[in-house]
Amino acid sequence: MCRNIRPLSNFEPPATDEEVTAAALQYVRKISGSTAPSRVNSEAFDRAVAEVAAASARLLDALVTTAPPKDREVEAAKARARAAVRYGS
């Protein structure tokens, strides 16, 4: 999976539309193999991003969990600690 796509479920505050769209964009870039589509493919690319974002938003709205919501700051600190170990910074 693309490392830039982050889990978006069960966070407080919930994922924003911008976060869902950014994840959809990363997914479409990954499967299409390009970061920027050609002019002829831009309409299909943009449509795919919108459709993936809509499906992702529906999924996030439908998910049910009994786990308490995760704190964004705590999860970000954990990610920074893992990166420090991985990259030695």
PDB file of N, CA and C in Angstrom:
ATOM      1  N   MET A   1       0.842  -1.181   0.000  1.00  0.00           N
ATOM      2  CA  MET A   1       0.000   0.000   0.000  1.00  0.00           C
ATOM      3  C   MET A   1       0.884   1.240   0.000  1.00  0.00           C
ATOM      4  N   CYS A   2       0.390   2.284  -0.574  1.00  0.00           N
ATOM      5  CA  CYS A   2       1.118   3.542  -0.631  1.00  0.00           C
ATOM      6  C   CYS A   2       1.279   4.102   0.781  1.00  0.00           C
ATOM      7  N   ARG A   3       2.482   4.457   1.145  1.00  0.00           N
ATOM      8  CA  ARG A   3       2.737   4.964   2.493  1.00  0.00           C
ATOM      9  C   ARG A   3       2.063   6.306   2.760  1.00  0.00           C
ATOM     10  N   ASN A   4       1.729   7.046   1.708  1.00  0.00           N
ATOM     11  CA  ASN A   4       1.114   8.357   1.908  1.00  0.00           C
ATOM     12  C   ASN A   4      -0.364   8.272   2.247  1.00  0.00           C
ATOM     13  N   ILE A   5      -0.967   7.123   2.062  1.00  0.00           N
ATOM     14  CA  ILE A   5      -2.376   6.965   2.405  1.00  0.00           C
ATOM     15  C   ILE A   5      -2.448   6.552   3.868  1.00  0.00           C
ATOM     16  N   ARG A   6      -3.057   7.371   4.686  1.00  0.00           N
ATOM     17  CA  ARG A   6      -3.140   7.144   6.131  1.00  0.00           C
ATOM     18  C   ARG A   6      -4.530   6.648   6.505  1.00  0.00           C
ATOM     19  N   PRO A   7      -4.610   5.855   7.571  1.00  0.00           N
ATOM     20  CA  PRO A   7      -5.932   5.460   8.066  1.00  0.00           C
ATOM     21  C   PRO A   7      -6.737   6.706   8.455  1.00  0.00           C
ATOM     22  N   LEU A   8      -8.013   6.693   8.128  1.00  0.00           N
ATOM     23  CA  LEU A   8      -8.864   7.848   8.400  1.00  0.00           C
ATOM     24  C   LEU A   8     -10.026   7.525   9.333  1.00  0.00           C
ATOM     25  N   SER A   9     -10.195   6.273   9.690  1.00  0.00           N
ATOM     26  CA  SER A   9     -11.353   5.926  10.512  1.00  0.00           C
ATOM     27  C   SER A   9     -11.026   6.015  11.994  1.00  0.00           C
ATOM     28  N   ASN A  10     -12.077   6.296  12.758  1.00  0.00           N
ATOM     29  CA  ASN A  10     -12.034   6.310  14.221  1.00  0.00           C
ATOM     30  C   ASN A  10     -11.051   7.339  14.781  1.00  0.00           C
ATOM     31  N   PHE A  11     -11.086   8.536  14.244  1.00  0.00           N
ATOM     32  CA  PHE A  11     -10.274   9.632  14.771  1.00  0.00           C
ATOM     33  C   PHE A  11     -11.183  10.713  15.320  1.00  0.00           C
ATOM     34  N   GLU A  12     -10.674  11.416  16.283  1.00  0.00           N
ATOM     35  CA  GLU A  12     -11.386  12.568  16.828  1.00  0.00           C
ATOM     36  C   GLU A  12     -10.490  13.784  16.669  1.00  0.00           C
ATOM     37  N   PRO A  13     -10.862  14.787  15.935  1.00  0.00           N
ATOM     38  CA  PRO A  13     -12.088  14.931  15.145  1.00  0.00           C
ATOM     39  C   PRO A  13     -12.056  14.029  13.906  1.00  0.00           C
ATOM     40  N   PRO A  14     -13.229  13.755  13.337  1.00  0.00           N
ATOM     41  CA  PRO A  14     -13.308  12.867  12.173  1.00  0.00           C
ATOM     42  C   PRO A  14     -12.523  13.427  10.979  1.00  0.00           C
ATOM     43  N   ALA A  15     -12.227  12.555  10.048  1.00  0.00           N
ATOM     44  CA  ALA A  15     -11.511  12.951   8.837  1.00  0.00           C
ATOM     45  C   ALA A  15     -12.312  14.010   8.084  1.00  0.00           C
ATOM     46  N   THR A  16     -11.593  14.977   7.551  1.00  0.00           N
ATOM     47  CA  THR A  16     -12.233  16.035   6.776  1.00  0.00           C
ATOM     48  C   THR A  16     -12.392  15.596   5.325  1.00  0.00           C
ATOM     49  N   ASP A  17     -13.199  16.330   4.581  1.00  0.00           N
ATOM     50  CA  ASP A  17     -13.355  16.050   3.155  1.00  0.00           C
ATOM     51  C   ASP A  17     -12.022  16.183   2.433  1.00  0.00           C
ATOM     52  N   GLU A  18     -11.194  17.131   2.859  1.00  0.00           N
ATOM     53  CA  GLU A  18      -9.888  17.339   2.230  1.00  0.00           C
ATOM     54  C   GLU A  18      -8.981  16.126   2.446  1.00  0.00           C
ATOM     55  N   GLU A  19      -9.023  15.539   3.647  1.00  0.00           N
ATOM     56  CA  GLU A  19      -8.215  14.351   3.921  1.00  0.00           C
ATOM     57  C   GLU A  19      -8.680  13.161   3.100  1.00  0.00           C
ATOM     58  N   VAL A  20      -9.981  13.000   2.955  1.00  0.00           N
ATOM     59  CA  VAL A  20     -10.527  11.906   2.169  1.00  0.00           C
ATOM     60  C   VAL A  20     -10.147  12.084   0.702  1.00  0.00           C
ATOM     61  N   THR A  21     -10.250  13.299   0.197  1.00  0.00           N
ATOM     62  CA  THR A  21      -9.891  13.575  -1.191  1.00  0.00           C
ATOM     63  C   THR A  21      -8.397  13.370  -1.422  1.00  0.00           C
ATOM     64  N   ALA A  22      -7.568  13.774  -0.465  1.00  0.00           N
ATOM     65  CA  ALA A  22      -6.124  13.583  -0.601  1.00  0.00           C
ATOM     66  C   ALA A  22      -5.780  12.098  -0.644  1.00  0.00           C
ATOM     67  N   ALA A  23      -6.438  11.294   0.175  1.00  0.00           N
ATOM     68  CA  ALA A  23      -6.205   9.853   0.153  1.00  0.00           C
ATOM     69  C   ALA A  23      -6.664   9.257  -1.178  1.00  0.00           C
ATOM     70  N   ALA A  24      -7.804   9.724  -1.680  1.00  0.00           N
ATOM     71  CA  ALA A  24      -8.306   9.244  -2.971  1.00  0.00           C
ATOM     72  C   ALA A  24      -7.340   9.604  -4.091  1.00  0.00           C
ATOM     73  N   LEU A  25      -6.794  10.802  -4.050  1.00  0.00           N
ATOM     74  CA  LEU A  25      -5.828  11.237  -5.057  1.00  0.00           C
ATOM     75  C   LEU A  25      -4.584  10.350  -5.026  1.00  0.00           C
ATOM     76  N   GLN A  26      -4.078  10.058  -3.834  1.00  0.00           N
ATOM     77  CA  GLN A  26      -2.908   9.190  -3.714  1.00  0.00           C
ATOM     78  C   GLN A  26      -3.207   7.801  -4.264  1.00  0.00           C
ATOM     79  N   TYR A  27      -4.384   7.284  -3.984  1.00  0.00           N
ATOM     80  CA  TYR A  27      -4.765   5.959  -4.474  1.00  0.00           C
ATOM     81  C   TYR A  27      -4.826   5.948  -6.002  1.00  0.00           C
ATOM     82  N   VAL A  28      -5.482   6.934  -6.588  1.00  0.00           N
ATOM     83  CA  VAL A  28      -5.615   6.990  -8.045  1.00  0.00           C
ATOM     84  C   VAL A  28      -4.244   7.182  -8.690  1.00  0.00           C
ATOM     85  N   ARG A  29      -3.394   7.997  -8.080  1.00  0.00           N
ATOM     86  CA  ARG A  29      -2.032   8.157  -8.604  1.00  0.00           C
ATOM     87  C   ARG A  29      -1.297   6.830  -8.590  1.00  0.00           C
ATOM     88  N   LYS A  30      -1.443   6.083  -7.517  1.00  0.00           N
ATOM     89  CA  LYS A  30      -0.747   4.807  -7.371  1.00  0.00           C
ATOM     90  C   LYS A  30      -1.200   3.811  -8.431  1.00  0.00           C
ATOM     91  N   ILE A  31      -2.497   3.640  -8.584  1.00  0.00           N
ATOM     92  CA  ILE A  31      -2.962   2.622  -9.524  1.00  0.00           C
ATOM     93  C   ILE A  31      -2.823   3.055 -10.978  1.00  0.00           C
ATOM     94  N   SER A  32      -2.820   4.366 -11.242  1.00  0.00           N
ATOM     95  CA  SER A  32      -2.662   4.828 -12.625  1.00  0.00           C
ATOM     96  C   SER A  32      -1.197   4.880 -13.030  1.00  0.00           C
ATOM     97  N   GLY A  33      -0.302   4.947 -12.043  1.00  0.00           N
ATOM     98  CA  GLY A  33       1.118   4.990 -12.341  1.00  0.00           C
ATOM     99  C   GLY A  33       1.626   6.357 -12.729  1.00  0.00           C
ATOM    100  N   SER A  34       0.831   7.392 -12.491  1.00  0.00           N
ATOM    101  CA  SER A  34       1.302   8.742 -12.810  1.00  0.00           C
ATOM    102  C   SER A  34       0.825   9.722 -11.742  1.00  0.00           C
ATOM    103  N   THR A  35       1.661  10.720 -11.481  1.00  0.00           N
ATOM    104  CA  THR A  35       1.282  11.732 -10.498  1.00  0.00           C
ATOM    105  C   THR A  35       0.448  12.829 -11.126  1.00  0.00           C
ATOM    106  N   ALA A  36       0.622  13.035 -12.421  1.00  0.00           N
ATOM    107  CA  ALA A  36      -0.170  14.034 -13.138  1.00  0.00           C
ATOM    108  C   ALA A  36      -0.592  13.422 -14.467  1.00  0.00           C
ATOM    109  N   PRO A  37      -1.882  13.346 -14.727  1.00  0.00           N
ATOM    110  CA  PRO A  37      -2.331  12.724 -15.967  1.00  0.00           C
ATOM    111  C   PRO A  37      -2.070  13.643 -17.166  1.00  0.00           C
ATOM    112  N   SER A  38      -2.008  13.035 -18.330  1.00  0.00           N
ATOM    113  CA  SER A  38      -1.908  13.834 -19.550  1.00  0.00           C
ATOM    114  C   SER A  38      -3.222  14.579 -19.751  1.00  0.00           C
ATOM    115  N   ARG A  39      -3.207  15.551 -20.625  1.00  0.00           N
ATOM    116  CA  ARG A  39      -4.412  16.349 -20.862  1.00  0.00           C
ATOM    117  C   ARG A  39      -5.573  15.465 -21.314  1.00  0.00           C
ATOM    118  N   VAL A  40      -5.282  14.474 -22.137  1.00  0.00           N
ATOM    119  CA  VAL A  40      -6.334  13.601 -22.647  1.00  0.00           C
ATOM    120  C   VAL A  40      -6.913  12.712 -21.541  1.00  0.00           C
ATOM    121  N   ASN A  41      -6.136  12.410 -20.519  1.00  0.00           N
ATOM    122  CA  ASN A  41      -6.602  11.544 -19.436  1.00  0.00           C
ATOM    123  C   ASN A  41      -7.075  12.300 -18.200  1.00  0.00           C
ATOM    124  N   SER A  42      -6.967  13.606 -18.188  1.00  0.00           N
ATOM    125  CA  SER A  42      -7.274  14.368 -16.969  1.00  0.00           C
ATOM    126  C   SER A  42      -8.733  14.223 -16.536  1.00  0.00           C
ATOM    127  N   GLU A  43      -9.660  14.159 -17.478  1.00  0.00           N
ATOM    128  CA  GLU A  43     -11.072  14.026 -17.104  1.00  0.00           C
ATOM    129  C   GLU A  43     -11.327  12.688 -16.418  1.00  0.00           C
ATOM    130  N   ALA A  44     -10.786  11.615 -16.974  1.00  0.00           N
ATOM    131  CA  ALA A  44     -10.954  10.287 -16.369  1.00  0.00           C
ATOM    132  C   ALA A  44     -10.268  10.236 -15.006  1.00  0.00           C
ATOM    133  N   PHE A  45      -9.099  10.839 -14.890  1.00  0.00           N
ATOM    134  CA  PHE A  45      -8.347  10.872 -13.637  1.00  0.00           C
ATOM    135  C   PHE A  45      -9.143  11.614 -12.564  1.00  0.00           C
ATOM    136  N   ASP A  46      -9.637  12.799 -12.904  1.00  0.00           N
ATOM    137  CA  ASP A  46     -10.403  13.599 -11.944  1.00  0.00           C
ATOM    138  C   ASP A  46     -11.696  12.905 -11.539  1.00  0.00           C
ATOM    139  N   ARG A  47     -12.346  12.259 -12.495  1.00  0.00           N
ATOM    140  CA  ARG A  47     -13.578  11.521 -12.193  1.00  0.00           C
ATOM    141  C   ARG A  47     -13.291  10.358 -11.238  1.00  0.00           C
ATOM    142  N   ALA A  48     -12.164   9.674 -11.473  1.00  0.00           N
ATOM    143  CA  ALA A  48     -11.790   8.554 -10.602  1.00  0.00           C
ATOM    144  C   ALA A  48     -11.505   9.050  -9.184  1.00  0.00           C
ATOM    145  N   VAL A  49     -10.825  10.176  -9.058  1.00  0.00           N
ATOM    146  CA  VAL A  49     -10.545  10.732  -7.724  1.00  0.00           C
ATOM    147  C   VAL A  49     -11.861  11.046  -7.015  1.00  0.00           C
ATOM    148  N   ALA A  50     -12.789  11.682  -7.713  1.00  0.00           N
ATOM    149  CA  ALA A  50     -14.078  12.031  -7.107  1.00  0.00           C
ATOM    150  C   ALA A  50     -14.855  10.780  -6.695  1.00  0.00           C
ATOM    151  N   GLU A  51     -14.847   9.744  -7.539  1.00  0.00           N
ATOM    152  CA  GLU A  51     -15.575   8.524  -7.223  1.00  0.00           C
ATOM    153  C   GLU A  51     -14.951   7.776  -6.048  1.00  0.00           C
ATOM    154  N   VAL A  52     -13.627   7.707  -6.011  1.00  0.00           N
ATOM    155  CA  VAL A  52     -12.953   7.039  -4.895  1.00  0.00           C
ATOM    156  C   VAL A  52     -13.180   7.817  -3.601  1.00  0.00           C
ATOM    157  N   ALA A  53     -13.134   9.144  -3.671  1.00  0.00           N
ATOM    158  CA  ALA A  53     -13.382   9.964  -2.480  1.00  0.00           C
ATOM    159  C   ALA A  53     -14.805   9.756  -1.976  1.00  0.00           C
ATOM    160  N   ALA A  54     -15.769   9.708  -2.877  1.00  0.00           N
ATOM    161  CA  ALA A  54     -17.165   9.500  -2.474  1.00  0.00           C
ATOM    162  C   ALA A  54     -17.349   8.117  -1.834  1.00  0.00           C
ATOM    163  N   ALA A  55     -16.751   7.094  -2.439  1.00  0.00           N
ATOM    164  CA  ALA A  55     -16.847   5.749  -1.872  1.00  0.00           C
ATOM    165  C   ALA A  55     -16.158   5.682  -0.514  1.00  0.00           C
ATOM    166  N   SER A  56     -15.030   6.354  -0.383  1.00  0.00           N
ATOM    167  CA  SER A  56     -14.306   6.371   0.891  1.00  0.00           C
ATOM    168  C   SER A  56     -15.113   7.080   1.972  1.00  0.00           C
ATOM    169  N   ALA A  57     -15.746   8.181   1.620  1.00  0.00           N
ATOM    170  CA  ALA A  57     -16.563   8.915   2.588  1.00  0.00           C
ATOM    171  C   ALA A  57     -17.748   8.069   3.046  1.00  0.00           C
ATOM    172  N   ARG A  58     -18.375   7.354   2.099  1.00  0.00           N
ATOM    173  CA  ARG A  58     -19.488   6.465   2.476  1.00  0.00           C
ATOM    174  C   ARG A  58     -19.001   5.373   3.408  1.00  0.00           C
ATOM    175  N   LEU A  59     -17.843   4.807   3.110  1.00  0.00           N
ATOM    176  CA  LEU A  59     -17.283   3.765   3.961  1.00  0.00           C
ATOM    177  C   LEU A  59     -17.018   4.293   5.366  1.00  0.00           C
ATOM    178  N   LEU A  60     -16.368   5.442   5.463  1.00  0.00           N
ATOM    179  CA  LEU A  60     -16.052   6.008   6.774  1.00  0.00           C
ATOM    180  C   LEU A  60     -17.321   6.313   7.570  1.00  0.00           C
ATOM    181  N   ASP A  61     -18.358   6.771   6.891  1.00  0.00           N
ATOM    182  CA  ASP A  61     -19.629   7.060   7.568  1.00  0.00           C
ATOM    183  C   ASP A  61     -20.313   5.787   8.057  1.00  0.00           C
ATOM    184  N   ALA A  62     -20.099   4.670   7.363  1.00  0.00           N
ATOM    185  CA  ALA A  62     -20.790   3.430   7.691  1.00  0.00           C
ATOM    186  C   ALA A  62     -20.053   2.584   8.726  1.00  0.00           C
ATOM    187  N   LEU A  63     -18.764   2.813   8.914  1.00  0.00           N
ATOM    188  CA  LEU A  63     -17.996   1.991   9.849  1.00  0.00           C
ATOM    189  C   LEU A  63     -18.454   2.210  11.282  1.00  0.00           C
ATOM    190  N   VAL A  64     -18.545   1.114  12.029  1.00  0.00           N
ATOM    191  CA  VAL A  64     -18.939   1.148  13.427  1.00  0.00           C
ATOM    192  C   VAL A  64     -17.844   0.454  14.228  1.00  0.00           C
ATOM    193  N   THR A  65     -17.463   1.059  15.344  1.00  0.00           N
ATOM    194  CA  THR A  65     -16.445   0.454  16.191  1.00  0.00           C
ATOM    195  C   THR A  65     -16.772   0.721  17.647  1.00  0.00           C
ATOM    196  N   THR A  66     -16.317  -0.175  18.497  1.00  0.00           N
ATOM    197  CA  THR A  66     -16.502   0.028  19.936  1.00  0.00           C
ATOM    198  C   THR A  66     -15.246   0.615  20.561  1.00  0.00           C
ATOM    199  N   ALA A  67     -14.178   0.703  19.777  1.00  0.00           N
ATOM    200  CA  ALA A  67     -12.924   1.263  20.286  1.00  0.00           C
ATOM    201  C   ALA A  67     -13.072   2.773  20.465  1.00  0.00           C
ATOM    202  N   PRO A  68     -12.413   3.327  21.459  1.00  0.00           N
ATOM    203  CA  PRO A  68     -12.475   4.783  21.621  1.00  0.00           C
ATOM    204  C   PRO A  68     -11.751   5.462  20.463  1.00  0.00           C
ATOM    205  N   PRO A  69     -12.187   6.670  20.088  1.00  0.00           N
ATOM    206  CA  PRO A  69     -11.531   7.379  18.986  1.00  0.00           C
ATOM    207  C   PRO A  69     -10.062   7.662  19.302  1.00  0.00           C
ATOM    208  N   LYS A  70      -9.238   7.581  18.254  1.00  0.00           N
ATOM    209  CA  LYS A  70      -7.816   7.865  18.409  1.00  0.00           C
ATOM    210  C   LYS A  70      -7.587   9.374  18.373  1.00  0.00           C
ATOM    211  N   ASP A  71      -6.611   9.817  19.126  1.00  0.00           N
ATOM    212  CA  ASP A  71      -6.238  11.226  19.155  1.00  0.00           C
ATOM    213  C   ASP A  71      -5.210  11.479  18.052  1.00  0.00           C
ATOM    214  N   ARG A  72      -5.472  12.466  17.216  1.00  0.00           N
ATOM    215  CA  ARG A  72      -4.581  12.754  16.087  1.00  0.00           C
ATOM    216  C   ARG A  72      -3.172  13.117  16.532  1.00  0.00           C
ATOM    217  N   GLU A  73      -3.056  13.877  17.601  1.00  0.00           N
ATOM    218  CA  GLU A  73      -1.728  14.291  18.069  1.00  0.00           C
ATOM    219  C   GLU A  73      -0.924  13.117  18.595  1.00  0.00           C
ATOM    220  N   VAL A  74      -1.565  12.222  19.320  1.00  0.00           N
ATOM    221  CA  VAL A  74      -0.888  11.037  19.847  1.00  0.00           C
ATOM    222  C   VAL A  74      -0.428  10.145  18.698  1.00  0.00           C
ATOM    223  N   GLU A  75      -1.285   9.933  17.712  1.00  0.00           N
ATOM    224  CA  GLU A  75      -0.922   9.101  16.563  1.00  0.00           C
ATOM    225  C   GLU A  75       0.195   9.742  15.747  1.00  0.00           C
ATOM    226  N   ALA A  76       0.178  11.064  15.624  1.00  0.00           N
ATOM    227  CA  ALA A  76       1.255  11.764  14.900  1.00  0.00           C
ATOM    228  C   ALA A  76       2.578  11.622  15.634  1.00  0.00           C
ATOM    229  N   ALA A  77       2.544  11.695  16.956  1.00  0.00           N
ATOM    230  CA  ALA A  77       3.766  11.523  17.746  1.00  0.00           C
ATOM    231  C   ALA A  77       4.319  10.109  17.577  1.00  0.00           C
ATOM    232  N   LYS A  78       3.438   9.117  17.553  1.00  0.00           N
ATOM    233  CA  LYS A  78       3.878   7.738  17.335  1.00  0.00           C
ATOM    234  C   LYS A  78       4.527   7.594  15.958  1.00  0.00           C
ATOM    235  N   ALA A  79       3.926   8.214  14.951  1.00  0.00           N
ATOM    236  CA  ALA A  79       4.475   8.141  13.593  1.00  0.00           C
ATOM    237  C   ALA A  79       5.842   8.816  13.518  1.00  0.00           C
ATOM    238  N   ARG A  80       5.993   9.944  14.199  1.00  0.00           N
ATOM    239  CA  ARG A  80       7.302  10.619  14.220  1.00  0.00           C
ATOM    240  C   ARG A  80       8.350   9.755  14.903  1.00  0.00           C
ATOM    241  N   ALA A  81       7.977   9.069  15.968  1.00  0.00           N
ATOM    242  CA  ALA A  81       8.908   8.183  16.671  1.00  0.00           C
ATOM    243  C   ALA A  81       9.321   7.016  15.772  1.00  0.00           C
ATOM    244  N   ARG A  82       8.357   6.433  15.043  1.00  0.00           N
ATOM    245  CA  ARG A  82       8.696   5.341  14.119  1.00  0.00           C
ATOM    246  C   ARG A  82       9.612   5.835  13.010  1.00  0.00           C
ATOM    247  N   ALA A  83       9.358   7.043  12.508  1.00  0.00           N
ATOM    248  CA  ALA A  83      10.217   7.604  11.448  1.00  0.00           C
ATOM    249  C   ALA A  83      11.613   7.865  11.962  1.00  0.00           C
ATOM    250  N   ALA A  84      11.719   8.327  13.207  1.00  0.00           N
ATOM    251  CA  ALA A  84      13.044   8.587  13.781  1.00  0.00           C
ATOM    252  C   ALA A  84      13.848   7.299  13.882  1.00  0.00           C
ATOM    253  N   VAL A  85      13.184   6.210  14.250  1.00  0.00           N
ATOM    254  CA  VAL A  85      13.867   4.922  14.332  1.00  0.00           C
ATOM    255  C   VAL A  85      14.256   4.441  12.932  1.00  0.00           C
ATOM    256  N   ARG A  86      13.327   4.581  12.001  1.00  0.00           N
ATOM    257  CA  ARG A  86      13.546   4.104  10.641  1.00  0.00           C
ATOM    258  C   ARG A  86      14.640   4.886   9.931  1.00  0.00           C
ATOM    259  N   TYR A  87      14.601   6.209  10.040  1.00  0.00           N
ATOM    260  CA  TYR A  87      15.508   7.061   9.280  1.00  0.00           C
ATOM    261  C   TYR A  87      16.675   7.606  10.109  1.00  0.00           C
ATOM    262  N   GLY A  88      16.663   7.317  11.402  1.00  0.00           N
ATOM    263  CA  GLY A  88      17.768   7.722  12.256  1.00  0.00           C
ATOM    264  C   GLY A  88      17.890   9.223  12.483  1.00  0.00           C
ATOM    265  N   SER A  89      16.763   9.903  12.541  1.00  0.00           N
ATOM    266  CA  SER A  89      16.841  11.353  12.788  1.00  0.00           C
ATOM    267  C   SER A  89      16.375  11.719  14.174  1.00  0.00           C
TER     268      SER A  89
END
